[in-house]
């Protein structure tokens, strides 16, 4: 058995050394090698490269569609942003209009309230004047009544005593003292 393993080594040693040895076996080996490389390339292409190419193509399409979606979303967002900015400007204008209308209404209410207050004050003043006149007339009537009473008392004393002017003056002053100063001051 030892001789069987060594025989290729011995054969190669007995042969002349060549740089390139083209023999039939070499050509068959090269042809078989080329066929197996092409077969492996074809199998690898179908089993590995095509799925990878398909995956890369799908990924490229997905990225492209996502970029298009993102661009359309960005355009939509820009449009919404412009719309909201316009609405904000309009909101500010509307708020200013509302505040202006509220100020005008407040001025109208203020003028109305002031006019009502002036009318009420005028009514109160008129009522106070009427009451003052009534009180004045009442006081005048009271004074007239008291004067009549005083005159009647003086006349009664004067008639009863038949007195002269000095006595009459003293009687008037005494009567006034009896009635008190507060009656005449009112």
N, C-alpha and C. Protein backbone atom coordinates (compact mmCIF):
# COMPACT_ATOMS: atom_id res chain seq x y z
N UNK A 1 0.81 -1.16 0.00
CA UNK A 1 0.00 0.00 0.00
C UNK A 1 0.87 1.24 0.00
N UNK A 2 1.98 1.13 0.58
CA UNK A 2 2.88 2.25 0.59
C UNK A 2 3.32 2.61 -0.80
N UNK A 3 3.48 1.68 -1.61
CA UNK A 3 3.93 1.91 -2.95
C UNK A 3 2.88 2.59 -3.79
N UNK A 4 1.58 2.35 -3.45
CA UNK A 4 0.50 2.93 -4.20
C UNK A 4 0.42 4.43 -3.98
N UNK A 5 0.66 4.90 -2.76
CA UNK A 5 0.61 6.31 -2.44
C UNK A 5 1.81 7.04 -2.98
N UNK A 6 2.88 6.42 -3.05
CA UNK A 6 4.09 7.07 -3.51
C UNK A 6 4.21 7.10 -5.02
N UNK A 7 3.42 6.33 -5.71
CA UNK A 7 3.55 6.25 -7.14
C UNK A 7 3.30 7.57 -7.85
N UNK A 8 2.33 8.41 -7.47
CA UNK A 8 2.20 9.68 -8.18
C UNK A 8 3.40 10.58 -7.93
N UNK A 9 3.97 10.48 -6.76
CA UNK A 9 5.13 11.31 -6.47
C UNK A 9 6.30 10.83 -7.32
N UNK A 10 6.46 9.55 -7.45
CA UNK A 10 7.54 9.00 -8.24
C UNK A 10 7.34 9.33 -9.72
N UNK A 11 6.13 9.26 -10.15
CA UNK A 11 5.87 9.56 -11.54
C UNK A 11 6.20 11.01 -11.85
N UNK A 12 5.82 11.92 -10.93
CA UNK A 12 6.08 13.32 -11.19
C UNK A 12 7.57 13.59 -11.11
N UNK A 13 8.32 12.82 -10.36
CA UNK A 13 9.74 13.03 -10.26
C UNK A 13 10.44 12.50 -11.51
N UNK A 14 9.88 11.48 -12.16
CA UNK A 14 10.49 10.90 -13.33
C UNK A 14 10.22 11.76 -14.56
N UNK A 15 9.21 12.57 -14.51
CA UNK A 15 8.87 13.38 -15.65
C UNK A 15 9.76 14.60 -15.69
N UNK A 16 9.84 15.15 -16.81
CA UNK A 16 10.63 16.33 -16.97
C UNK A 16 9.86 17.54 -16.48
N UNK A 17 10.54 18.41 -15.85
CA UNK A 17 9.81 19.59 -15.38
C UNK A 17 9.51 20.54 -16.53
N UNK A 18 8.23 21.00 -16.60
CA UNK A 18 7.80 21.93 -17.61
C UNK A 18 7.16 23.14 -16.95
N UNK A 19 7.20 24.22 -17.69
CA UNK A 19 6.56 25.42 -17.16
C UNK A 19 5.06 25.27 -17.31
N UNK A 20 4.55 25.05 -18.46
CA UNK A 20 3.14 24.82 -18.69
C UNK A 20 3.06 23.51 -19.44
N UNK A 21 2.29 22.62 -18.85
CA UNK A 21 2.13 21.32 -19.52
C UNK A 21 0.72 21.19 -20.01
N UNK A 22 0.51 21.32 -21.34
CA UNK A 22 -0.82 21.16 -21.90
C UNK A 22 -0.99 19.71 -22.30
N UNK A 23 -1.73 19.06 -21.58
CA UNK A 23 -2.08 17.71 -21.96
C UNK A 23 -3.59 17.59 -21.91
N UNK A 24 -4.06 16.48 -22.31
CA UNK A 24 -5.48 16.25 -22.40
C UNK A 24 -6.17 16.31 -21.04
N UNK A 25 -5.55 15.81 -20.08
CA UNK A 25 -6.11 15.80 -18.73
C UNK A 25 -6.26 17.24 -18.21
N UNK A 26 -5.26 18.06 -18.45
CA UNK A 26 -5.31 19.45 -18.02
C UNK A 26 -6.45 20.19 -18.70
N UNK A 27 -6.60 19.95 -19.99
CA UNK A 27 -7.68 20.60 -20.71
C UNK A 27 -9.04 20.13 -20.21
N UNK A 28 -9.17 18.87 -19.92
CA UNK A 28 -10.43 18.34 -19.38
C UNK A 28 -10.70 18.92 -18.00
N UNK A 29 -9.68 19.01 -17.21
CA UNK A 29 -9.83 19.60 -15.85
C UNK A 29 -10.23 21.08 -15.95
N UNK A 30 -9.60 21.83 -16.86
CA UNK A 30 -9.91 23.24 -17.03
C UNK A 30 -11.34 23.39 -17.54
N UNK A 31 -11.73 22.58 -18.49
CA UNK A 31 -13.11 22.64 -19.02
C UNK A 31 -14.13 22.32 -17.93
N UNK A 32 -13.84 21.26 -17.19
CA UNK A 32 -14.74 20.89 -16.10
C UNK A 32 -14.78 21.98 -15.04
N UNK A 33 -13.66 22.55 -14.79
CA UNK A 33 -13.58 23.65 -13.80
C UNK A 33 -14.40 24.86 -14.29
N UNK A 34 -14.28 25.20 -15.58
CA UNK A 34 -15.04 26.32 -16.13
C UNK A 34 -16.54 26.04 -16.08
N UNK A 35 -16.93 24.84 -16.43
CA UNK A 35 -18.35 24.48 -16.39
C UNK A 35 -18.87 24.59 -14.97
N UNK A 36 -18.12 24.06 -14.00
CA UNK A 36 -18.58 24.12 -12.60
C UNK A 36 -18.59 25.55 -12.08
N UNK A 37 -17.64 26.39 -12.51
CA UNK A 37 -17.65 27.81 -12.08
C UNK A 37 -18.88 28.50 -12.67
N UNK A 38 -19.15 28.28 -13.98
CA UNK A 38 -20.35 28.89 -14.58
C UNK A 38 -21.62 28.37 -13.93
N UNK A 39 -21.64 27.04 -13.66
CA UNK A 39 -22.81 26.47 -12.98
C UNK A 39 -22.97 27.07 -11.59
N UNK A 40 -21.88 27.18 -10.84
CA UNK A 40 -21.95 27.80 -9.50
C UNK A 40 -22.35 29.27 -9.60
N UNK A 41 -21.81 29.96 -10.62
CA UNK A 41 -22.19 31.37 -10.80
C UNK A 41 -23.67 31.48 -11.14
N UNK A 42 -24.16 30.61 -12.04
CA UNK A 42 -25.57 30.63 -12.41
C UNK A 42 -26.44 30.31 -11.19
N UNK A 43 -26.06 29.31 -10.42
CA UNK A 43 -26.83 28.94 -9.22
C UNK A 43 -26.77 30.05 -8.16
N UNK A 44 -25.60 30.58 -7.98
CA UNK A 44 -25.46 31.68 -7.01
C UNK A 44 -26.25 32.90 -7.47
N UNK A 45 -26.23 33.13 -8.79
CA UNK A 45 -26.98 34.28 -9.33
C UNK A 45 -28.47 34.08 -9.09
N UNK A 46 -28.98 32.89 -9.37
CA UNK A 46 -30.41 32.64 -9.18
C UNK A 46 -30.79 32.54 -7.71
N UNK A 47 -29.97 31.90 -6.94
CA UNK A 47 -30.32 31.69 -5.54
C UNK A 47 -29.92 32.84 -4.62
N UNK A 48 -28.85 33.52 -4.93
CA UNK A 48 -28.36 34.58 -4.04
C UNK A 48 -28.48 35.97 -4.63
N UNK A 49 -27.91 36.15 -5.81
CA UNK A 49 -27.83 37.51 -6.37
C UNK A 49 -29.20 38.07 -6.75
N UNK A 50 -30.03 37.27 -7.39
CA UNK A 50 -31.35 37.78 -7.79
C UNK A 50 -32.21 38.17 -6.58
N UNK A 51 -32.28 37.35 -5.53
CA UNK A 51 -33.05 37.81 -4.35
C UNK A 51 -32.45 39.07 -3.72
N UNK A 52 -31.13 39.14 -3.73
CA UNK A 52 -30.49 40.34 -3.17
C UNK A 52 -30.79 41.54 -4.06
N UNK A 53 -30.69 41.35 -5.40
CA UNK A 53 -31.04 42.44 -6.31
C UNK A 53 -32.50 42.85 -6.14
N UNK A 54 -33.38 41.83 -6.04
CA UNK A 54 -34.79 42.14 -5.84
C UNK A 54 -34.99 42.90 -4.53
N UNK A 55 -34.33 42.45 -3.47
CA UNK A 55 -34.44 43.13 -2.18
C UNK A 55 -33.93 44.56 -2.28
N UNK A 56 -32.80 44.78 -2.96
CA UNK A 56 -32.26 46.12 -3.14
C UNK A 56 -33.18 46.99 -3.99
N UNK A 57 -33.76 46.40 -5.04
CA UNK A 57 -34.70 47.15 -5.89
C UNK A 57 -35.95 47.53 -5.08
N UNK A 58 -36.46 46.57 -4.32
CA UNK A 58 -37.62 46.86 -3.47
C UNK A 58 -37.29 47.94 -2.45
N UNK A 59 -36.14 47.84 -1.87
CA UNK A 59 -35.73 48.83 -0.87
C UNK A 59 -35.59 50.20 -1.52
N UNK A 60 -34.97 50.24 -2.73
CA UNK A 60 -34.83 51.49 -3.46
C UNK A 60 -36.20 52.11 -3.76
N UNK A 61 -37.16 51.27 -4.19
CA UNK A 61 -38.50 51.74 -4.47
C UNK A 61 -39.19 52.24 -3.20
N UNK A 62 -39.01 51.50 -2.12
CA UNK A 62 -39.60 51.90 -0.84
C UNK A 62 -39.04 53.25 -0.39
N UNK A 63 -37.74 53.42 -0.48
CA UNK A 63 -37.09 54.68 -0.09
C UNK A 63 -37.58 55.82 -0.99
N UNK A 64 -37.67 55.54 -2.31
CA UNK A 64 -38.14 56.56 -3.24
C UNK A 64 -39.59 56.94 -2.92
N UNK A 65 -40.44 55.95 -2.65
CA UNK A 65 -41.83 56.27 -2.32
C UNK A 65 -41.92 57.01 -0.99
N UNK A 66 -41.09 56.63 -0.04
CA UNK A 66 -41.08 57.34 1.25
C UNK A 66 -40.60 58.78 1.07
N UNK A 67 -39.61 58.99 0.20
CA UNK A 67 -39.13 60.35 -0.08
C UNK A 67 -40.23 61.16 -0.77
N UNK A 68 -40.93 60.53 -1.72
CA UNK A 68 -42.04 61.24 -2.38
C UNK A 68 -43.14 61.56 -1.38
N UNK A 69 -43.46 60.59 -0.51
CA UNK A 69 -44.47 60.82 0.52
C UNK A 69 -44.04 61.93 1.46
N UNK A 70 -42.76 61.88 1.84
CA UNK A 70 -42.25 62.93 2.73
C UNK A 70 -42.29 64.29 2.05
N UNK A 71 -41.97 64.33 0.76
CA UNK A 71 -42.01 65.60 0.04
C UNK A 71 -43.44 66.11 -0.07
N UNK A 72 -44.39 65.21 -0.36
CA UNK A 72 -45.79 65.64 -0.44
C UNK A 72 -46.30 66.04 0.94
N UNK A 73 -45.90 65.31 1.98
CA UNK A 73 -46.29 65.68 3.35
C UNK A 73 -45.70 67.03 3.73
N UNK A 74 -44.46 67.26 3.30
CA UNK A 74 -43.83 68.55 3.60
C UNK A 74 -44.57 69.68 2.88
N UNK A 75 -44.93 69.42 1.62
CA UNK A 75 -45.68 70.44 0.87
C UNK A 75 -47.03 70.69 1.53
N UNK A 76 -47.70 69.61 1.96
CA UNK A 76 -48.97 69.76 2.66
C UNK A 76 -48.80 70.51 3.97
N UNK A 77 -47.73 70.19 4.68
CA UNK A 77 -47.46 70.88 5.95
C UNK A 77 -47.18 72.36 5.71
N UNK A 78 -46.46 72.67 4.64
CA UNK A 78 -46.21 74.08 4.31
C UNK A 78 -47.52 74.80 3.99
N UNK A 79 -48.37 74.12 3.24
CA UNK A 79 -49.67 74.73 2.91
C UNK A 79 -50.50 74.95 4.16
N UNK A 80 -50.51 73.95 5.06
CA UNK A 80 -51.22 74.09 6.33
C UNK A 80 -50.63 75.21 7.17
N UNK A 81 -49.31 75.29 7.15
CA UNK A 81 -48.64 76.34 7.92
C UNK A 81 -49.06 77.72 7.41
N UNK A 82 -49.07 77.88 6.09
CA UNK A 82 -49.49 79.16 5.51
C UNK A 82 -50.94 79.45 5.85
N UNK A 83 -51.77 78.41 5.76
CA UNK A 83 -53.19 78.58 6.08
C UNK A 83 -53.37 79.00 7.54
N UNK A 84 -52.65 78.34 8.44
CA UNK A 84 -52.76 78.68 9.87
C UNK A 84 -52.20 80.06 10.16
N UNK A 85 -51.13 80.44 9.46
CA UNK A 85 -50.60 81.79 9.64
C UNK A 85 -51.62 82.84 9.20
N UNK A 86 -52.29 82.57 8.08
CA UNK A 86 -53.34 83.49 7.63
C UNK A 86 -54.49 83.53 8.63
N UNK A 87 -54.84 82.35 9.15
CA UNK A 87 -55.90 82.31 10.15
C UNK A 87 -55.49 83.07 11.40
N UNK A 88 -54.22 82.94 11.79
CA UNK A 88 -53.74 83.69 12.96
C UNK A 88 -53.83 85.19 12.72
N UNK A 89 -53.46 85.61 11.50
CA UNK A 89 -53.59 87.03 11.18
C UNK A 89 -55.05 87.45 11.25
N UNK A 90 -55.91 86.60 10.70
CA UNK A 90 -57.34 86.89 10.73
C UNK A 90 -57.88 86.87 12.14
N UNK A 91 -57.35 85.95 12.96
CA UNK A 91 -57.79 85.88 14.36
C UNK A 91 -57.41 87.17 15.08
N UNK A 92 -56.22 87.65 14.82
CA UNK A 92 -55.80 88.91 15.45
C UNK A 92 -56.71 90.05 15.00
N UNK A 93 -57.02 90.08 13.69
CA UNK A 93 -57.92 91.12 13.19
C UNK A 93 -59.31 90.96 13.78
N UNK A 94 -59.80 89.72 13.85
CA UNK A 94 -61.12 89.48 14.42
C UNK A 94 -61.14 89.87 15.90
N UNK A 95 -60.07 89.52 16.62
CA UNK A 95 -60.00 89.89 18.04
C UNK A 95 -60.01 91.41 18.19
N UNK A 96 -59.29 92.09 17.32
CA UNK A 96 -59.27 93.55 17.37
C UNK A 96 -60.66 94.11 17.05
N UNK A 97 -61.33 93.51 16.07
CA UNK A 97 -62.70 93.94 15.74
C UNK A 97 -63.65 93.72 16.90
N UNK A 98 -63.52 92.56 17.54
CA UNK A 98 -64.38 92.26 18.70
C UNK A 98 -64.10 93.24 19.83
N UNK A 99 -62.83 93.49 20.09
CA UNK A 99 -62.48 94.44 21.15
C UNK A 99 -62.97 95.84 20.80
N UNK A 100 -62.86 96.22 19.54
CA UNK A 100 -63.35 97.53 19.12
C UNK A 100 -64.86 97.63 19.31
N UNK A 101 -65.57 96.60 18.91
CA UNK A 101 -67.03 96.59 19.09
C UNK A 101 -67.38 96.63 20.57
N UNK A 102 -66.62 95.89 21.38
CA UNK A 102 -66.89 95.90 22.83
C UNK A 102 -66.62 97.28 23.42
N UNK A 103 -65.56 97.94 22.95
CA UNK A 103 -65.28 99.30 23.45
C UNK A 103 -66.41 100.26 23.06
N UNK A 104 -66.88 100.15 21.81
CA UNK A 104 -67.97 101.02 21.37
C UNK A 104 -69.22 100.76 22.19
N UNK A 105 -69.52 99.48 22.42
CA UNK A 105 -70.70 99.14 23.22
C UNK A 105 -70.54 99.63 24.65
N UNK A 106 -69.32 99.54 25.18
CA UNK A 106 -69.06 100.03 26.54
C UNK A 106 -69.28 101.54 26.61
N UNK A 107 -68.83 102.27 25.58
CA UNK A 107 -69.05 103.72 25.56
C UNK A 107 -70.54 104.05 25.48
N UNK A 108 -71.27 103.29 24.66
CA UNK A 108 -72.71 103.51 24.55
C UNK A 108 -73.37 103.23 25.91
N UNK A 109 -72.99 102.12 26.54
CA UNK A 109 -73.54 101.79 27.86
C UNK A 109 -73.17 102.85 28.89
N UNK A 110 -71.92 103.30 28.82
CA UNK A 110 -71.47 104.33 29.77
C UNK A 110 -72.31 105.60 29.61
N UNK A 111 -72.48 106.04 28.36
CA UNK A 111 -73.28 107.25 28.11
C UNK A 111 -74.73 107.06 28.55
N UNK A 112 -75.28 105.88 28.29
CA UNK A 112 -76.65 105.60 28.71
C UNK A 112 -76.77 105.62 30.23
N UNK A 113 -75.82 104.98 30.91
CA UNK A 113 -75.85 104.93 32.38
C UNK A 113 -75.69 106.34 32.95
N UNK A 114 -74.79 107.13 32.36
CA UNK A 114 -74.59 108.51 32.84
C UNK A 114 -75.87 109.32 32.62
N UNK A 115 -76.50 109.14 31.46
CA UNK A 115 -77.74 109.88 31.19
C UNK A 115 -78.84 109.46 32.17
N UNK A 116 -78.95 108.17 32.43
CA UNK A 116 -79.94 107.70 33.40
C UNK A 116 -79.64 108.24 34.79
N UNK A 117 -78.36 108.26 35.15
CA UNK A 117 -77.97 108.78 36.47
C UNK A 117 -78.31 110.27 36.58
N UNK A 118 -78.07 111.00 35.49
CA UNK A 118 -78.39 112.44 35.50
C UNK A 118 -79.91 112.65 35.62
N UNK A 119 -80.66 111.83 34.89
CA UNK A 119 -82.12 111.95 34.98
C UNK A 119 -82.59 111.63 36.39
N UNK A 120 -82.02 110.56 36.97
CA UNK A 120 -82.40 110.18 38.34
C UNK A 120 -82.01 111.28 39.32
N UNK A 121 -80.82 111.85 39.13
CA UNK A 121 -80.38 112.94 40.01
C UNK A 121 -81.31 114.14 39.87
N UNK A 122 -81.71 114.42 38.62
CA UNK A 122 -82.65 115.53 38.39
C UNK A 122 -83.98 115.26 39.09
N UNK A 123 -84.47 114.01 38.98
CA UNK A 123 -85.73 113.66 39.66
C UNK A 123 -85.59 113.79 41.17
N UNK A 124 -84.45 113.34 41.70
CA UNK A 124 -84.21 113.43 43.15
C UNK A 124 -84.17 114.90 43.57
N UNK A 125 -83.46 115.71 42.78
CA UNK A 125 -83.36 117.13 43.12
C UNK A 125 -84.74 117.78 43.05
N UNK A 126 -85.50 117.48 42.00
CA UNK A 126 -86.86 118.03 41.89
C UNK A 126 -87.72 117.59 43.06
N UNK A 127 -87.63 116.30 43.40
CA UNK A 127 -88.39 115.79 44.54
C UNK A 127 -87.97 116.50 45.82
N UNK A 128 -86.64 116.71 45.96
CA UNK A 128 -86.14 117.41 47.15
C UNK A 128 -86.65 118.85 47.18
N UNK A 129 -86.68 119.50 46.01
CA UNK A 129 -87.21 120.86 45.95
C UNK A 129 -88.69 120.89 46.34
N UNK A 130 -89.44 119.91 45.80
CA UNK A 130 -90.87 119.86 46.12
C UNK A 130 -91.06 119.61 47.61
N UNK A 131 -90.28 118.67 48.16
CA UNK A 131 -90.39 118.39 49.59
C UNK A 131 -89.97 119.60 50.41
N UNK A 132 -88.92 120.30 49.95
CA UNK A 132 -88.48 121.49 50.68
C UNK A 132 -89.56 122.56 50.65
N UNK A 133 -90.20 122.73 49.48
CA UNK A 133 -91.28 123.71 49.39
C UNK A 133 -92.45 123.32 50.29
N UNK A 134 -92.76 122.01 50.28
CA UNK A 134 -93.84 121.55 51.15
C UNK A 134 -93.51 121.78 52.62
N UNK A 135 -92.26 121.48 52.98
CA UNK A 135 -91.82 121.71 54.37
C UNK A 135 -91.85 123.20 54.70
N UNK A 136 -91.41 124.02 53.71
CA UNK A 136 -91.43 125.47 53.93
C UNK A 136 -92.86 125.95 54.14
N UNK A 137 -93.78 125.47 53.28
CA UNK A 137 -95.17 125.85 53.42
C UNK A 137 -95.75 125.35 54.74
N UNK A 138 -95.36 124.15 55.13
CA UNK A 138 -95.83 123.58 56.39
C UNK A 138 -95.31 124.41 57.56
N UNK A 139 -94.01 124.77 57.48
CA UNK A 139 -93.42 125.59 58.55
C UNK A 139 -94.08 126.96 58.58
N UNK A 140 -94.35 127.52 57.39
CA UNK A 140 -95.02 128.82 57.34
C UNK A 140 -96.41 128.72 57.94
N UNK A 141 -97.13 127.63 57.62
CA UNK A 141 -98.46 127.44 58.19
C UNK A 141 -98.37 127.29 59.71
N UNK A 142 -97.34 126.55 60.16
CA UNK A 142 -97.17 126.38 61.61
C UNK A 142 -96.88 127.72 62.26
N UNK A 143 -96.02 128.51 61.64
CA UNK A 143 -95.67 129.83 62.21
C UNK A 143 -96.92 130.72 62.22
N UNK A 144 -97.68 130.66 61.11
CA UNK A 144 -98.90 131.47 61.07
C UNK A 144 -99.85 131.06 62.19
N UNK A 145 -99.99 129.74 62.37
CA UNK A 145 -100.87 129.26 63.42
C UNK A 145 -100.38 129.71 64.79
N UNK A 146 -99.07 129.62 65.01
CA UNK A 146 -98.51 130.03 66.30
C UNK A 146 -98.65 131.54 66.49
N UNK A 147 -98.46 132.28 65.38
CA UNK A 147 -98.61 133.73 65.48
C UNK A 147 -100.07 134.10 65.83
N UNK A 148 -100.97 133.34 65.20
CA UNK A 148 -102.38 133.60 65.51
C UNK A 148 -102.65 133.28 66.97
N UNK A 149 -102.08 132.15 67.43
CA UNK A 149 -102.26 131.78 68.85
C UNK A 149 -101.65 132.84 69.75
N UNK A 150 -100.45 133.32 69.39
CA UNK A 150 -99.79 134.35 70.21
C UNK A 150 -100.62 135.63 70.21
N UNK A 151 -101.09 135.99 69.01
CA UNK A 151 -101.90 137.21 68.92
C UNK A 151 -103.17 137.06 69.74
N UNK A 152 -103.77 135.87 69.69
CA UNK A 152 -104.98 135.65 70.47
C UNK A 152 -104.68 135.72 71.96
N UNK A 153 -103.55 135.15 72.38
CA UNK A 153 -103.18 135.20 73.81
C UNK A 153 -102.92 136.63 74.23
N UNK A 154 -102.20 137.35 73.38
CA UNK A 154 -101.91 138.75 73.72
C UNK A 154 -103.21 139.55 73.78
N UNK A 155 -104.06 139.30 72.80
CA UNK A 155 -105.33 140.04 72.78
C UNK A 155 -106.16 139.68 74.00
N UNK A 156 -106.11 138.41 74.37
CA UNK A 156 -106.89 138.00 75.54
C UNK A 156 -106.35 138.66 76.78
N UNK A 157 -105.04 138.74 76.93
CA UNK A 157 -104.46 139.37 78.11
C UNK A 157 -104.68 140.88 78.07
N UNK A 158 -104.56 141.43 76.83
CA UNK A 158 -104.73 142.88 76.71
C UNK A 158 -106.17 143.27 77.03
N UNK A 159 -107.07 142.49 76.54
CA UNK A 159 -108.48 142.81 76.79
C UNK A 159 -108.80 142.58 78.26
N UNK A 160 -108.29 141.55 78.81
CA UNK A 160 -108.63 141.26 80.18
C UNK A 160 -108.02 142.27 81.14
N UNK A 161 -106.93 142.82 80.84
CA UNK A 161 -106.28 143.73 81.78
C UNK A 161 -106.48 145.19 81.41
N UNK A 162 -106.84 145.44 80.25
CA UNK A 162 -107.00 146.81 79.78
C UNK A 162 -105.79 147.60 80.21
N UNK A 163 -104.73 147.27 79.63
CA UNK A 163 -103.47 147.82 80.08
C UNK A 163 -102.90 148.78 79.07
N UNK A 164 -101.91 149.49 79.50
CA UNK A 164 -101.29 150.47 78.62
C UNK A 164 -100.19 149.82 77.78
N UNK A 165 -99.51 150.60 77.01
CA UNK A 165 -98.53 150.12 76.04
C UNK A 165 -97.33 149.50 76.74
N UNK A 166 -96.87 150.09 77.82
CA UNK A 166 -95.70 149.51 78.51
C UNK A 166 -96.05 148.13 79.01
N UNK A 167 -97.21 147.98 79.58
CA UNK A 167 -97.61 146.67 80.11
C UNK A 167 -97.78 145.71 78.94
N UNK A 168 -98.30 146.22 77.83
CA UNK A 168 -98.50 145.38 76.66
C UNK A 168 -97.16 144.87 76.14
N UNK A 169 -96.13 145.70 76.08
CA UNK A 169 -94.80 145.29 75.63
C UNK A 169 -94.23 144.22 76.55
N UNK A 170 -94.42 144.42 77.85
CA UNK A 170 -93.92 143.43 78.80
C UNK A 170 -94.67 142.12 78.64
N UNK A 171 -95.95 142.20 78.40
CA UNK A 171 -96.72 140.97 78.21
C UNK A 171 -96.24 140.22 76.96
N UNK A 172 -95.96 140.93 75.89
CA UNK A 172 -95.48 140.29 74.66
C UNK A 172 -94.13 139.63 74.91
N UNK A 173 -93.24 140.34 75.56
CA UNK A 173 -91.92 139.76 75.82
C UNK A 173 -92.03 138.58 76.75
N UNK A 174 -92.92 138.64 77.77
CA UNK A 174 -93.10 137.50 78.68
C UNK A 174 -93.66 136.30 77.93
N UNK A 175 -94.60 136.57 77.06
CA UNK A 175 -95.22 135.49 76.28
C UNK A 175 -94.18 134.84 75.37
N UNK A 176 -93.37 135.68 74.76
CA UNK A 176 -92.31 135.13 73.90
C UNK A 176 -91.33 134.30 74.71
N UNK A 177 -91.04 134.71 75.92
CA UNK A 177 -90.12 133.95 76.77
C UNK A 177 -90.75 132.61 77.13
N UNK A 178 -92.06 132.62 77.37
CA UNK A 178 -92.75 131.37 77.71
C UNK A 178 -92.72 130.39 76.54
N UNK A 179 -92.87 130.90 75.32
CA UNK A 179 -92.88 130.01 74.14
C UNK A 179 -91.47 129.53 73.81
N UNK A 180 -90.49 130.31 74.12
CA UNK A 180 -89.11 129.91 73.87
C UNK A 180 -88.61 130.40 72.54
N UNK A 181 -87.29 130.55 72.46
CA UNK A 181 -86.63 131.07 71.25
C UNK A 181 -86.66 130.04 70.13
N UNK A 182 -86.71 128.75 70.45
CA UNK A 182 -86.65 127.72 69.42
C UNK A 182 -87.84 127.79 68.48
N UNK A 183 -88.97 128.24 68.94
CA UNK A 183 -90.14 128.33 68.09
C UNK A 183 -89.92 129.35 67.01
N UNK A 184 -89.29 130.47 67.32
CA UNK A 184 -89.10 131.53 66.34
C UNK A 184 -87.91 131.27 65.41
N UNK A 185 -86.98 130.44 65.84
CA UNK A 185 -85.81 130.17 65.01
C UNK A 185 -86.11 129.16 63.90
N UNK A 186 -87.12 128.35 64.07
CA UNK A 186 -87.47 127.35 63.07
C UNK A 186 -88.09 128.06 61.90
